[in-house]
Amino acid sequence: MSKNVKTIKELADELGTNKTRISRIINKNSIPTQKIKNKIVLEDNSVSLIRQYFKNETQQQNETQQQDETVSILRTELDKAHSHIEKLSNLLDQQQRLALQDKKLLEEYKAENDSLKAL
């Protein structure tokens, strides 16, 4: 083979994939091929297009992975915030109950004090 062409197998080996995947990319993206000695070959421009496809695919996978990690971190933070809100709500409820008890005790003491003054 000439230096300016590669077979699908050569490109697949170079990119760490299989011939079927390369063929699907070629068909899906209408990438031009040639047939030499009964083998399908790719010229440099076609090879570049397929490499770019893999590069874009890898970038998309990396972005998706980063987004998944971000979502996971945000969910963890949201769970912590919900837990904190629940604790604060319980503390507020407890404080309100204590304030109500104090108010009742003050009213009882006042009533008792008033009854002692009446004597």
C-alpha atoms as a PDB file:
ATOM      1  CA  MET A   1       0.000   0.000   0.000  1.00  0.00           C
ATOM      2  CA  SER A   2       1.044   3.540  -0.646  1.00  0.00           C
ATOM      3  CA  LYS A   3       1.839   5.914   2.230  1.00  0.00           C
ATOM      4  CA  ASN A   4      -1.101   8.164   1.468  1.00  0.00           C
ATOM      5  CA  VAL A   5      -3.766   5.454   1.902  1.00  0.00           C
ATOM      6  CA  LYS A   6      -4.762   3.128   4.735  1.00  0.00           C
ATOM      7  CA  THR A   7      -6.996   0.114   4.832  1.00  0.00           C
ATOM      8  CA  ILE A   8      -9.921   0.055   7.208  1.00  0.00           C
ATOM      9  CA  LYS A   9      -8.091  -2.622   9.217  1.00  0.00           C
ATOM     10  CA  GLU A  10      -4.942  -0.488   9.525  1.00  0.00           C
ATOM     11  CA  LEU A  11      -6.945   2.503  10.713  1.00  0.00           C
ATOM     12  CA  ALA A  12      -8.999   0.380  13.104  1.00  0.00           C
ATOM     13  CA  ASP A  13      -5.817  -1.016  14.651  1.00  0.00           C
ATOM     14  CA  GLU A  14      -4.332   2.470  14.924  1.00  0.00           C
ATOM     15  CA  LEU A  15      -7.439   3.839  16.658  1.00  0.00           C
ATOM     16  CA  GLY A  16      -7.914   0.796  18.879  1.00  0.00           C
ATOM     17  CA  THR A  17     -11.283  -0.192  17.482  1.00  0.00           C
ATOM     18  CA  ASN A  18     -12.626  -2.739  14.992  1.00  0.00           C
ATOM     19  CA  LYS A  19     -13.238  -2.694  11.256  1.00  0.00           C
ATOM     20  CA  THR A  20     -17.018  -2.780  11.697  1.00  0.00           C
ATOM     21  CA  ARG A  21     -16.994   0.411  13.724  1.00  0.00           C
ATOM     22  CA  ILE A  22     -14.839   2.189  11.153  1.00  0.00           C
ATOM     23  CA  SER A  23     -17.168   0.989   8.378  1.00  0.00           C
ATOM     24  CA  ARG A  24     -20.205   2.296  10.253  1.00  0.00           C
ATOM     25  CA  ILE A  25     -18.552   5.682  10.717  1.00  0.00           C
ATOM     26  CA  ILE A  26     -17.703   5.779   7.005  1.00  0.00           C
ATOM     27  CA  ASN A  27     -21.288   4.947   6.025  1.00  0.00           C
ATOM     28  CA  LYS A  28     -22.916   7.201   8.613  1.00  0.00           C
ATOM     29  CA  ASN A  29     -20.819  10.219   7.641  1.00  0.00           C
ATOM     30  CA  SER A  30     -20.561   9.483   3.907  1.00  0.00           C
ATOM     31  CA  ILE A  31     -16.770   9.485   4.062  1.00  0.00           C
ATOM     32  CA  PRO A  32     -15.214   8.800   0.643  1.00  0.00           C
ATOM     33  CA  THR A  33     -13.342   5.528   0.106  1.00  0.00           C
ATOM     34  CA  GLN A  34     -11.558   3.831  -2.783  1.00  0.00           C
ATOM     35  CA  LYS A  35     -11.173   0.230  -3.779  1.00  0.00           C
ATOM     36  CA  ILE A  36      -7.634  -0.852  -4.663  1.00  0.00           C
ATOM     37  CA  LYS A  37      -6.803  -4.499  -5.344  1.00  0.00           C
ATOM     38  CA  ASN A  38     -10.178  -5.547  -3.990  1.00  0.00           C
ATOM     39  CA  LYS A  39      -9.561  -3.734  -0.662  1.00  0.00           C
ATOM     40  CA  ILE A  40     -11.329  -0.634   0.560  1.00  0.00           C
ATOM     41  CA  VAL A  41      -8.785   2.066   1.336  1.00  0.00           C
ATOM     42  CA  LEU A  42      -8.960   5.543   2.758  1.00  0.00           C
ATOM     43  CA  GLU A  43      -7.004   8.538   1.577  1.00  0.00           C
ATOM     44  CA  ASP A  44      -5.445  10.996   4.007  1.00  0.00           C
ATOM     45  CA  ASN A  45      -8.459  13.328   4.006  1.00  0.00           C
ATOM     46  CA  SER A  46     -10.813  10.431   4.828  1.00  0.00           C
ATOM     47  CA  VAL A  47      -8.460   9.217   7.556  1.00  0.00           C
ATOM     48  CA  SER A  48      -8.408  12.753   8.985  1.00  0.00           C
ATOM     49  CA  LEU A  49     -12.215  12.876   9.024  1.00  0.00           C
ATOM     50  CA  ILE A  50     -12.426   9.585  10.904  1.00  0.00           C
ATOM     51  CA  ARG A  51      -9.757  10.681  13.399  1.00  0.00           C
ATOM     52  CA  GLN A  52     -11.689  13.915  13.946  1.00  0.00           C
ATOM     53  CA  TYR A  53     -14.862  11.876  14.507  1.00  0.00           C
ATOM     54  CA  PHE A  54     -13.060   9.850  17.205  1.00  0.00           C
ATOM     55  CA  LYS A  55     -11.613  13.019  18.745  1.00  0.00           C
ATOM     56  CA  ASN A  56     -15.068  14.627  18.906  1.00  0.00           C
ATOM     57  CA  GLU A  57     -16.574  11.454  20.311  1.00  0.00           C
ATOM     58  CA  THR A  58     -13.901  11.292  23.010  1.00  0.00           C
ATOM     59  CA  GLN A  59     -14.479  14.950  23.901  1.00  0.00           C
ATOM     60  CA  GLN A  60     -18.221  14.321  24.172  1.00  0.00           C
ATOM     61  CA  GLN A  61     -17.606  11.310  26.412  1.00  0.00           C
ATOM     62  CA  ASN A  62     -15.278  13.367  28.605  1.00  0.00           C
ATOM     63  CA  GLU A  63     -17.808  16.205  28.830  1.00  0.00           C
ATOM     64  CA  THR A  64     -20.577  13.747  29.689  1.00  0.00           C
ATOM     65  CA  GLN A  65     -18.398  12.174  32.369  1.00  0.00           C
ATOM     66  CA  GLN A  66     -17.583  15.597  33.832  1.00  0.00           C
ATOM     67  CA  GLN A  67     -21.260  16.534  33.817  1.00  0.00           C
ATOM     68  CA  ASP A  68     -22.139  13.264  35.558  1.00  0.00           C
ATOM     69  CA  GLU A  69     -19.506  13.966  38.207  1.00  0.00           C
ATOM     70  CA  THR A  70     -20.830  17.510  38.661  1.00  0.00           C
ATOM     71  CA  VAL A  71     -24.391  16.223  39.031  1.00  0.00           C
ATOM     72  CA  SER A  72     -23.207  13.679  41.590  1.00  0.00           C
ATOM     73  CA  ILE A  73     -21.406  16.362  43.599  1.00  0.00           C
ATOM     74  CA  LEU A  74     -24.419  18.675  43.443  1.00  0.00           C
ATOM     75  CA  ARG A  75     -26.751  15.887  44.580  1.00  0.00           C
ATOM     76  CA  THR A  76     -24.484  15.188  47.530  1.00  0.00           C
ATOM     77  CA  GLU A  77     -24.463  18.879  48.430  1.00  0.00           C
ATOM     78  CA  LEU A  78     -28.239  19.035  48.031  1.00  0.00           C
ATOM     79  CA  ASP A  79     -28.652  16.039  50.356  1.00  0.00           C
ATOM     80  CA  LYS A  80     -26.435  17.773  52.919  1.00  0.00           C
ATOM     81  CA  ALA A  81     -28.498  20.960  52.597  1.00  0.00           C
ATOM     82  CA  HIS A  82     -31.755  19.037  53.066  1.00  0.00           C
ATOM     83  CA  SER A  83     -30.317  17.336  56.142  1.00  0.00           C
ATOM     84  CA  HIS A  84     -29.191  20.687  57.539  1.00  0.00           C
ATOM     85  CA  ILE A  85     -32.623  22.220  56.882  1.00  0.00           C
ATOM     86  CA  GLU A  86     -34.292  19.285  58.626  1.00  0.00           C
ATOM     87  CA  LYS A  87     -32.045  19.705  61.682  1.00  0.00           C
ATOM     88  CA  LEU A  88     -32.720  23.447  61.787  1.00  0.00           C
ATOM     89  CA  SER A  89     -36.460  22.836  61.479  1.00  0.00           C
ATOM     90  CA  ASN A  90     -36.312  20.417  64.406  1.00  0.00           C
ATOM     91  CA  LEU A  91     -34.338  22.923  66.472  1.00  0.00           C
ATOM     92  CA  LEU A  92     -36.818  25.683  65.642  1.00  0.00           C
ATOM     93  CA  ASP A  93     -39.731  23.434  66.588  1.00  0.00           C
ATOM     94  CA  GLN A  94     -38.010  22.564  69.854  1.00  0.00           C
ATOM     95  CA  GLN A  95     -37.302  26.240  70.590  1.00  0.00           C
ATOM     96  CA  GLN A  96     -40.929  27.171  69.915  1.00  0.00           C
ATOM     97  CA  ARG A  97     -42.159  24.435  72.271  1.00  0.00           C
ATOM     98  CA  LEU A  98     -39.802  25.621  74.997  1.00  0.00           C
ATOM     99  CA  ALA A  99     -40.942  29.216  74.496  1.00  0.00           C
ATOM    100  CA  LEU A 100     -44.569  28.090  74.814  1.00  0.00           C
ATOM    101  CA  GLN A 101     -43.754  26.179  78.006  1.00  0.00           C
ATOM    102  CA  ASP A 102     -41.982  29.238  79.397  1.00  0.00           C
ATOM    103  CA  LYS A 103     -44.988  31.398  78.573  1.00  0.00           C
ATOM    104  CA  LYS A 104     -47.330  28.990  80.350  1.00  0.00           C
ATOM    105  CA  LEU A 105     -45.041  28.876  83.390  1.00  0.00           C
ATOM    106  CA  LEU A 106     -44.873  32.674  83.496  1.00  0.00           C
ATOM    107  CA  GLU A 107     -48.658  32.868  83.319  1.00  0.00           C
ATOM    108  CA  GLU A 108     -48.939  30.321  86.144  1.00  0.00           C
ATOM    109  CA  TYR A 109     -46.416  32.243  88.270  1.00  0.00           C
ATOM    110  CA  LYS A 110     -48.224  35.494  87.543  1.00  0.00           C
ATOM    111  CA  ALA A 111     -51.561  33.973  88.505  1.00  0.00           C
ATOM    112  CA  GLU A 112     -50.018  32.537  91.669  1.00  0.00           C
ATOM    113  CA  ASN A 113     -48.383  35.873  92.457  1.00  0.00           C
ATOM    114  CA  ASP A 114     -51.678  37.712  91.896  1.00  0.00           C
ATOM    115  CA  SER A 115     -53.496  35.285  94.182  1.00  0.00           C
ATOM    116  CA  LEU A 116     -50.845  35.782  96.884  1.00  0.00           C
ATOM    117  CA  LYS A 117     -51.187  39.564  96.567  1.00  0.00           C
ATOM    118  CA  ALA A 118     -54.928  39.228  97.024  1.00  0.00           C
ATOM    119  CA  LEU A 119     -54.404  37.639 100.442  1.00  0.00           C
END
